[in-house]
Amino acid sequence: MNEIIQAFLSHDIMKFIELIGLVGVYTVVFAESGLLVGFFLPGDSLLFTAGLLASPGFGLFNIWHLVIGTWIAAVVGDNVGYEFGKRVGIKLFRRKESLLFKPENVIKAQEFYEKHGGKAIIIARFMPIVRTFVPVVAGIGKMDHKRFTLFNFIGGTVWTWGMCWAGFYLGSVIPDIDKYLLPIVLLIIIASVLPPILHIYKENKKSWDEKILERVRKFVKYKA
């Protein structure tokens, strides 16, 4: 256990995965997807590196066991978060801050969900911390469960399959890829986070343009 904690704290993701094994990877994905205490756990880097360790050069895991297992863990995890939010409801916002719980994280997720609606379930998959709290907020907001399940299925599929297969593919074509793991993981995270950020930026830009246009209309009307 001490080795696992040390590997986690030192950000040695490869050693961390080797120590926790396949079941441990499933558990981390489940916790990060649906349990509030899992917001600090690795997500994108964990899936990518696990996929890398499943590639022929390492052979630590069977890629299909990894992909299907993490996919189920992610989808089920989000559903657990949704049901938790639905049952606990607004009480969650009244909880006091602790080492593993910060109310502002829930508030940020609520604002994100209110702004993007159902799409937030998919977009949040690629945004650390937010992805842990968005399904909870969707449950608090009593989002239609069938609709939530659809978005959850799409988001969980794209996230787990995309990250794991990216690691597997690069591990198969790049010799000694473990020597360049850190910069590659950073690029993968940036590449995964960039599309939702651009999407949010475009929506914000549109709302700002509408506000400016409204001000111009009021100004013109006033002058007339």
C-alpha atoms as a PDB file:
ATOM      1  CA  MET A   1       0.000   0.000   0.000  1.00  0.00           C
ATOM      2  CA  ASN A   2       2.831   2.382   0.842  1.00  0.00           C
ATOM      3  CA  GLU A   3       4.333   1.761  -2.603  1.00  0.00           C
ATOM      4  CA  ILE A   4       1.020   2.594  -4.281  1.00  0.00           C
ATOM      5  CA  ILE A   5       0.674   5.843  -2.327  1.00  0.00           C
ATOM      6  CA  GLN A   6       4.282   6.784  -3.042  1.00  0.00           C
ATOM      7  CA  ALA A   7       3.885   6.108  -6.783  1.00  0.00           C
ATOM      8  CA  PHE A   8       0.686   8.185  -6.817  1.00  0.00           C
ATOM      9  CA  LEU A   9       2.211  11.123  -4.936  1.00  0.00           C
ATOM     10  CA  SER A  10       5.335  11.089  -7.101  1.00  0.00           C
ATOM     11  CA  HIS A  11       3.182  11.033 -10.284  1.00  0.00           C
ATOM     12  CA  ASP A  12       4.834   7.801 -11.439  1.00  0.00           C
ATOM     13  CA  ILE A  13       1.740   6.721 -13.360  1.00  0.00           C
ATOM     14  CA  MET A  14       3.322   3.614 -14.916  1.00  0.00           C
ATOM     15  CA  LYS A  15       4.430   2.213 -11.573  1.00  0.00           C
ATOM     16  CA  PHE A  16       1.083   3.193 -10.030  1.00  0.00           C
ATOM     17  CA  ILE A  17      -0.799   1.175 -12.679  1.00  0.00           C
ATOM     18  CA  GLU A  18       1.582  -1.787 -12.386  1.00  0.00           C
ATOM     19  CA  LEU A  19       0.994  -1.872  -8.627  1.00  0.00           C
ATOM     20  CA  ILE A  20      -2.818  -1.569  -8.664  1.00  0.00           C
ATOM     21  CA  GLY A  21      -3.327  -3.924 -11.624  1.00  0.00           C
ATOM     22  CA  LEU A  22      -6.325  -4.149 -13.940  1.00  0.00           C
ATOM     23  CA  VAL A  23      -8.944  -4.268 -11.174  1.00  0.00           C
ATOM     24  CA  GLY A  24      -7.305  -1.215  -9.606  1.00  0.00           C
ATOM     25  CA  VAL A  25      -7.578   0.666 -12.909  1.00  0.00           C
ATOM     26  CA  TYR A  26     -11.297  -0.210 -13.081  1.00  0.00           C
ATOM     27  CA  THR A  27     -11.729   1.014  -9.502  1.00  0.00           C
ATOM     28  CA  VAL A  28      -9.974   4.345 -10.137  1.00  0.00           C
ATOM     29  CA  VAL A  29     -12.057   5.006 -13.279  1.00  0.00           C
ATOM     30  CA  PHE A  30     -15.264   4.162 -11.397  1.00  0.00           C
ATOM     31  CA  ALA A  31     -14.336   6.377  -8.438  1.00  0.00           C
ATOM     32  CA  GLU A  32     -13.239   9.305 -10.609  1.00  0.00           C
ATOM     33  CA  SER A  33     -16.434   9.069 -12.652  1.00  0.00           C
ATOM     34  CA  GLY A  34     -19.039   8.797  -9.934  1.00  0.00           C
ATOM     35  CA  LEU A  35     -17.714   9.191  -6.391  1.00  0.00           C
ATOM     36  CA  LEU A  36     -17.173  12.716  -5.069  1.00  0.00           C
ATOM     37  CA  VAL A  37     -13.978  11.662  -3.296  1.00  0.00           C
ATOM     38  CA  GLY A  38     -12.508  10.533  -6.635  1.00  0.00           C
ATOM     39  CA  PHE A  39     -12.031  13.987  -8.150  1.00  0.00           C
ATOM     40  CA  PHE A  40      -8.284  14.019  -7.368  1.00  0.00           C
ATOM     41  CA  LEU A  41      -7.595  10.677  -9.066  1.00  0.00           C
ATOM     42  CA  PRO A  42      -5.928  10.465 -12.510  1.00  0.00           C
ATOM     43  CA  GLY A  43      -8.249   9.941 -15.473  1.00  0.00           C
ATOM     44  CA  ASP A  44      -6.923  10.734 -18.953  1.00  0.00           C
ATOM     45  CA  SER A  45      -3.316   9.915 -18.045  1.00  0.00           C
ATOM     46  CA  LEU A  46      -4.400   6.666 -16.349  1.00  0.00           C
ATOM     47  CA  LEU A  47      -6.352   5.404 -19.368  1.00  0.00           C
ATOM     48  CA  PHE A  48      -3.698   6.397 -21.883  1.00  0.00           C
ATOM     49  CA  THR A  49      -0.847   4.861 -19.884  1.00  0.00           C
ATOM     50  CA  ALA A  50      -2.856   1.694 -19.210  1.00  0.00           C
ATOM     51  CA  GLY A  51      -3.426   1.420 -22.969  1.00  0.00           C
ATOM     52  CA  LEU A  52       0.304   1.879 -23.482  1.00  0.00           C
ATOM     53  CA  LEU A  53       1.037  -0.921 -20.996  1.00  0.00           C
ATOM     54  CA  ALA A  54      -1.353  -3.168 -22.924  1.00  0.00           C
ATOM     55  CA  SER A  55       0.599  -2.666 -26.171  1.00  0.00           C
ATOM     56  CA  PRO A  56       2.832  -5.506 -27.512  1.00  0.00           C
ATOM     57  CA  GLY A  57       5.999  -3.848 -26.192  1.00  0.00           C
ATOM     58  CA  PHE A  58       4.778  -4.164 -22.576  1.00  0.00           C
ATOM     59  CA  GLY A  59       1.972  -6.743 -22.588  1.00  0.00           C
ATOM     60  CA  LEU A  60       0.896  -5.992 -19.021  1.00  0.00           C
ATOM     61  CA  PHE A  61      -2.837  -6.135 -19.868  1.00  0.00           C
ATOM     62  CA  ASN A  62      -5.115  -7.568 -22.517  1.00  0.00           C
ATOM     63  CA  ILE A  63      -6.304  -4.489 -24.418  1.00  0.00           C
ATOM     64  CA  TRP A  64      -9.884  -5.748 -24.746  1.00  0.00           C
ATOM     65  CA  HIS A  65     -10.133  -6.520 -21.040  1.00  0.00           C
ATOM     66  CA  LEU A  66      -8.815  -3.014 -20.355  1.00  0.00           C
ATOM     67  CA  VAL A  67     -11.103  -1.182 -22.787  1.00  0.00           C
ATOM     68  CA  ILE A  68     -14.323  -3.014 -21.951  1.00  0.00           C
ATOM     69  CA  GLY A  69     -13.666  -2.983 -18.203  1.00  0.00           C
ATOM     70  CA  THR A  70     -12.853   0.735 -17.998  1.00  0.00           C
ATOM     71  CA  TRP A  71     -15.804   1.522 -20.279  1.00  0.00           C
ATOM     72  CA  ILE A  72     -18.223  -0.302 -17.960  1.00  0.00           C
ATOM     73  CA  ALA A  73     -16.609   1.315 -14.895  1.00  0.00           C
ATOM     74  CA  ALA A  74     -16.944   4.805 -16.402  1.00  0.00           C
ATOM     75  CA  VAL A  75     -20.586   4.402 -17.472  1.00  0.00           C
ATOM     76  CA  VAL A  76     -21.653   2.726 -14.213  1.00  0.00           C
ATOM     77  CA  GLY A  77     -19.676   5.307 -12.213  1.00  0.00           C
ATOM     78  CA  ASP A  78     -21.522   8.202 -13.817  1.00  0.00           C
ATOM     79  CA  ASN A  79     -24.845   6.477 -13.153  1.00  0.00           C
ATOM     80  CA  VAL A  80     -23.925   6.082  -9.495  1.00  0.00           C
ATOM     81  CA  GLY A  81     -23.076   9.797  -9.377  1.00  0.00           C
ATOM     82  CA  TYR A  82     -26.425  10.630 -10.983  1.00  0.00           C
ATOM     83  CA  GLU A  83     -28.391   8.497  -8.499  1.00  0.00           C
ATOM     84  CA  PHE A  84     -26.427   9.966  -5.596  1.00  0.00           C
ATOM     85  CA  GLY A  85     -27.252  13.504  -6.738  1.00  0.00           C
ATOM     86  CA  LYS A  86     -30.898  12.589  -7.275  1.00  0.00           C
ATOM     87  CA  ARG A  87     -31.240  11.195  -3.760  1.00  0.00           C
ATOM     88  CA  VAL A  88     -29.055  13.609  -1.796  1.00  0.00           C
ATOM     89  CA  GLY A  89     -30.172  16.648  -3.778  1.00  0.00           C
ATOM     90  CA  ILE A  90     -29.630  20.165  -2.540  1.00  0.00           C
ATOM     91  CA  LYS A  91     -28.194  18.928   0.788  1.00  0.00           C
ATOM     92  CA  LEU A  92     -24.896  18.483  -1.015  1.00  0.00           C
ATOM     93  CA  PHE A  93     -24.515  22.260  -1.363  1.00  0.00           C
ATOM     94  CA  ARG A  94     -24.832  22.682   2.400  1.00  0.00           C
ATOM     95  CA  ARG A  95     -21.982  20.321   3.263  1.00  0.00           C
ATOM     96  CA  LYS A  96     -18.983  21.875   4.971  1.00  0.00           C
ATOM     97  CA  GLU A  97     -15.629  21.961   3.240  1.00  0.00           C
ATOM     98  CA  SER A  98     -13.253  19.129   4.078  1.00  0.00           C
ATOM     99  CA  LEU A  99     -10.032  17.635   2.781  1.00  0.00           C
ATOM    100  CA  LEU A 100     -11.882  15.582   0.145  1.00  0.00           C
ATOM    101  CA  PHE A 101     -14.872  17.851  -0.480  1.00  0.00           C
ATOM    102  CA  LYS A 102     -15.005  21.429  -1.662  1.00  0.00           C
ATOM    103  CA  PRO A 103     -18.461  22.987  -2.239  1.00  0.00           C
ATOM    104  CA  GLU A 104     -17.084  25.257  -4.984  1.00  0.00           C
ATOM    105  CA  ASN A 105     -16.377  22.192  -7.131  1.00  0.00           C
ATOM    106  CA  VAL A 106     -20.068  21.273  -7.026  1.00  0.00           C
ATOM    107  CA  ILE A 107     -21.089  24.868  -7.758  1.00  0.00           C
ATOM    108  CA  LYS A 108     -18.751  25.034 -10.770  1.00  0.00           C
ATOM    109  CA  ALA A 109     -20.175  21.765 -12.064  1.00  0.00           C
ATOM    110  CA  GLN A 110     -23.717  23.094 -11.572  1.00  0.00           C
ATOM    111  CA  GLU A 111     -22.934  26.250 -13.556  1.00  0.00           C
ATOM    112  CA  PHE A 112     -21.292  24.135 -16.266  1.00  0.00           C
ATOM    113  CA  TYR A 113     -24.319  21.814 -16.448  1.00  0.00           C
ATOM    114  CA  GLU A 114     -26.851  24.667 -16.512  1.00  0.00           C
ATOM    115  CA  LYS A 115     -24.974  26.318 -19.369  1.00  0.00           C
ATOM    116  CA  HIS A 116     -24.441  23.255 -21.563  1.00  0.00           C
ATOM    117  CA  GLY A 117     -27.325  20.971 -20.600  1.00  0.00           C
ATOM    118  CA  GLY A 118     -27.089  17.377 -21.783  1.00  0.00           C
ATOM    119  CA  LYS A 119     -23.931  18.082 -23.765  1.00  0.00           C
ATOM    120  CA  ALA A 120     -22.181  18.745 -20.449  1.00  0.00           C
ATOM    121  CA  ILE A 121     -22.238  14.997 -19.710  1.00  0.00           C
ATOM    122  CA  ILE A 122     -20.133  14.352 -22.829  1.00  0.00           C
ATOM    123  CA  ILE A 123     -17.910  17.447 -22.654  1.00  0.00           C
ATOM    124  CA  ALA A 124     -17.148  16.921 -18.950  1.00  0.00           C
ATOM    125  CA  ARG A 125     -15.596  13.526 -19.668  1.00  0.00           C
ATOM    126  CA  PHE A 126     -12.530  15.363 -20.942  1.00  0.00           C
ATOM    127  CA  MET A 127     -12.344  17.907 -18.129  1.00  0.00           C
ATOM    128  CA  PRO A 128     -10.649  16.826 -14.863  1.00  0.00           C
ATOM    129  CA  ILE A 129     -12.597  17.435 -11.621  1.00  0.00           C
ATOM    130  CA  VAL A 130     -15.662  18.663 -13.550  1.00  0.00           C
ATOM    131  CA  ARG A 131     -16.343  15.129 -14.868  1.00  0.00           C
ATOM    132  CA  THR A 132     -16.663  13.846 -11.280  1.00  0.00           C
ATOM    133  CA  PHE A 133     -19.311  16.381 -10.270  1.00  0.00           C
ATOM    134  CA  VAL A 134     -21.396  16.887 -13.441  1.00  0.00           C
ATOM    135  CA  PRO A 135     -23.326  13.570 -13.171  1.00  0.00           C
ATOM    136  CA  VAL A 136     -24.102  14.388  -9.532  1.00  0.00           C
ATOM    137  CA  VAL A 137     -25.438  17.799 -10.548  1.00  0.00           C
ATOM    138  CA  ALA A 138     -27.468  16.194 -13.370  1.00  0.00           C
ATOM    139  CA  GLY A 139     -29.088  14.001 -10.718  1.00  0.00           C
ATOM    140  CA  ILE A 140     -29.756  16.995  -8.482  1.00  0.00           C
ATOM    141  CA  GLY A 141     -31.379  18.757 -11.469  1.00  0.00           C
ATOM    142  CA  LYS A 142     -33.589  15.678 -12.052  1.00  0.00           C
ATOM    143  CA  MET A 143     -32.376  15.336 -15.651  1.00  0.00           C
ATOM    144  CA  ASP A 144     -34.430  12.720 -17.518  1.00  0.00           C
ATOM    145  CA  HIS A 145     -32.677   9.405 -16.792  1.00  0.00           C
ATOM    146  CA  LYS A 146     -33.005   8.040 -20.331  1.00  0.00           C
ATOM    147  CA  ARG A 147     -31.497  11.226 -21.729  1.00  0.00           C
ATOM    148  CA  PHE A 148     -28.715  11.133 -19.154  1.00  0.00           C
ATOM    149  CA  THR A 149     -27.987   7.478 -19.962  1.00  0.00           C
ATOM    150  CA  LEU A 150     -27.657   8.298 -23.668  1.00  0.00           C
ATOM    151  CA  PHE A 151     -25.186  11.140 -23.112  1.00  0.00           C
ATOM    152  CA  ASN A 152     -23.355   9.083 -20.482  1.00  0.00           C
ATOM    153  CA  PHE A 153     -23.035   6.148 -22.888  1.00  0.00           C
ATOM    154  CA  ILE A 154     -21.647   8.369 -25.666  1.00  0.00           C
ATOM    155  CA  GLY A 155     -19.240  10.258 -23.388  1.00  0.00           C
ATOM    156  CA  GLY A 156     -18.013   7.160 -21.584  1.00  0.00           C
ATOM    157  CA  THR A 157     -17.449   5.316 -24.859  1.00  0.00           C
ATOM    158  CA  VAL A 158     -15.510   8.099 -26.569  1.00  0.00           C
ATOM    159  CA  TRP A 159     -13.401   8.783 -23.474  1.00  0.00           C
ATOM    160  CA  THR A 160     -12.375   5.262 -22.447  1.00  0.00           C
ATOM    161  CA  TRP A 161     -12.058   3.720 -25.895  1.00  0.00           C
ATOM    162  CA  GLY A 162     -10.290   6.782 -27.314  1.00  0.00           C
ATOM    163  CA  MET A 163      -7.741   7.101 -24.510  1.00  0.00           C
ATOM    164  CA  CYS A 164      -6.964   3.389 -24.157  1.00  0.00           C
ATOM    165  CA  TRP A 165      -6.604   2.767 -27.890  1.00  0.00           C
ATOM    166  CA  ALA A 166      -4.476   5.910 -28.302  1.00  0.00           C
ATOM    167  CA  GLY A 167      -2.030   4.546 -25.724  1.00  0.00           C
ATOM    168  CA  PHE A 168      -2.091   1.082 -27.274  1.00  0.00           C
ATOM    169  CA  TYR A 169      -1.498   2.405 -30.798  1.00  0.00           C
ATOM    170  CA  LEU A 170       1.373   4.732 -29.879  1.00  0.00           C
ATOM    171  CA  GLY A 171       2.940   2.021 -27.741  1.00  0.00           C
ATOM    172  CA  SER A 172       2.819  -0.279 -30.779  1.00  0.00           C
ATOM    173  CA  VAL A 173       4.462   2.116 -33.277  1.00  0.00           C
ATOM    174  CA  ILE A 174       6.925   4.177 -31.201  1.00  0.00           C
ATOM    175  CA  PRO A 175      10.010   2.320 -29.872  1.00  0.00           C
ATOM    176  CA  ASP A 176      10.925   3.002 -26.218  1.00  0.00           C
ATOM    177  CA  ILE A 177       7.876   5.221 -25.844  1.00  0.00           C
ATOM    178  CA  ASP A 178       8.126   5.037 -22.045  1.00  0.00           C
ATOM    179  CA  LYS A 179      11.118   7.416 -22.289  1.00  0.00           C
ATOM    180  CA  TYR A 180       8.823  10.097 -23.702  1.00  0.00           C
ATOM    181  CA  LEU A 181       5.750   9.245 -21.628  1.00  0.00           C
ATOM    182  CA  LEU A 182       5.391  12.528 -19.734  1.00  0.00           C
ATOM    183  CA  PRO A 183       5.369  14.888 -22.777  1.00  0.00           C
ATOM    184  CA  ILE A 184       3.133  12.468 -24.712  1.00  0.00           C
ATOM    185  CA  VAL A 185       0.633  12.259 -21.838  1.00  0.00           C
ATOM    186  CA  LEU A 186       0.607  16.058 -21.578  1.00  0.00           C
ATOM    187  CA  LEU A 187      -0.070  16.350 -25.325  1.00  0.00           C
ATOM    188  CA  ILE A 188      -2.849  13.760 -25.103  1.00  0.00           C
ATOM    189  CA  ILE A 189      -4.488  15.624 -22.218  1.00  0.00           C
ATOM    190  CA  ILE A 190      -4.219  18.945 -24.069  1.00  0.00           C
ATOM    191  CA  ALA A 191      -5.624  17.358 -27.238  1.00  0.00           C
ATOM    192  CA  SER A 192      -8.556  15.878 -25.300  1.00  0.00           C
ATOM    193  CA  VAL A 193      -9.321  19.050 -23.339  1.00  0.00           C
ATOM    194  CA  LEU A 194      -8.947  21.451 -26.272  1.00  0.00           C
ATOM    195  CA  PRO A 195     -12.162  20.575 -28.209  1.00  0.00           C
ATOM    196  CA  PRO A 196     -14.518  21.108 -25.230  1.00  0.00           C
ATOM    197  CA  ILE A 197     -12.673  24.313 -24.297  1.00  0.00           C
ATOM    198  CA  LEU A 198     -13.069  25.624 -27.872  1.00  0.00           C
ATOM    199  CA  HIS A 199     -16.727  24.642 -27.782  1.00  0.00           C
ATOM    200  CA  ILE A 200     -17.235  26.545 -24.518  1.00  0.00           C
ATOM    201  CA  TYR A 201     -15.307  29.527 -25.901  1.00  0.00           C
ATOM    202  CA  LYS A 202     -17.486  29.669 -29.019  1.00  0.00           C
ATOM    203  CA  GLU A 203     -20.666  29.550 -26.953  1.00  0.00           C
ATOM    204  CA  ASN A 204     -19.374  32.262 -24.605  1.00  0.00           C
ATOM    205  CA  LYS A 205     -18.272  34.356 -27.575  1.00  0.00           C
ATOM    206  CA  LYS A 206     -21.728  34.023 -29.060  1.00  0.00           C
ATOM    207  CA  SER A 207     -23.369  35.179 -25.834  1.00  0.00           C
ATOM    208  CA  TRP A 208     -20.941  38.117 -25.597  1.00  0.00           C
ATOM    209  CA  ASP A 209     -21.698  39.077 -29.210  1.00  0.00           C
ATOM    210  CA  GLU A 210     -25.416  38.993 -28.427  1.00  0.00           C
ATOM    211  CA  LYS A 211     -24.901  41.207 -25.360  1.00  0.00           C
ATOM    212  CA  ILE A 212     -22.857  43.713 -27.357  1.00  0.00           C
ATOM    213  CA  LEU A 213     -25.462  43.734 -30.129  1.00  0.00           C
ATOM    214  CA  GLU A 214     -28.221  44.299 -27.581  1.00  0.00           C
ATOM    215  CA  ARG A 215     -26.296  47.246 -26.089  1.00  0.00           C
ATOM    216  CA  VAL A 216     -25.824  48.750 -29.556  1.00  0.00           C
ATOM    217  CA  ARG A 217     -29.546  48.412 -30.268  1.00  0.00           C
ATOM    218  CA  LYS A 218     -30.427  50.113 -26.984  1.00  0.00           C
ATOM    219  CA  PHE A 219     -27.924  52.892 -27.695  1.00  0.00           C
ATOM    220  CA  VAL A 220     -29.324  53.478 -31.194  1.00  0.00           C
ATOM    221  CA  LYS A 221     -32.877  53.432 -29.901  1.00  0.00           C
ATOM    222  CA  TYR A 222     -31.922  55.937 -27.151  1.00  0.00           C
ATOM    223  CA  LYS A 223     -30.273  58.298 -29.662  1.00  0.00           C
ATOM    224  CA  ALA A 224     -33.264  58.093 -31.968  1.00  0.00           C
END
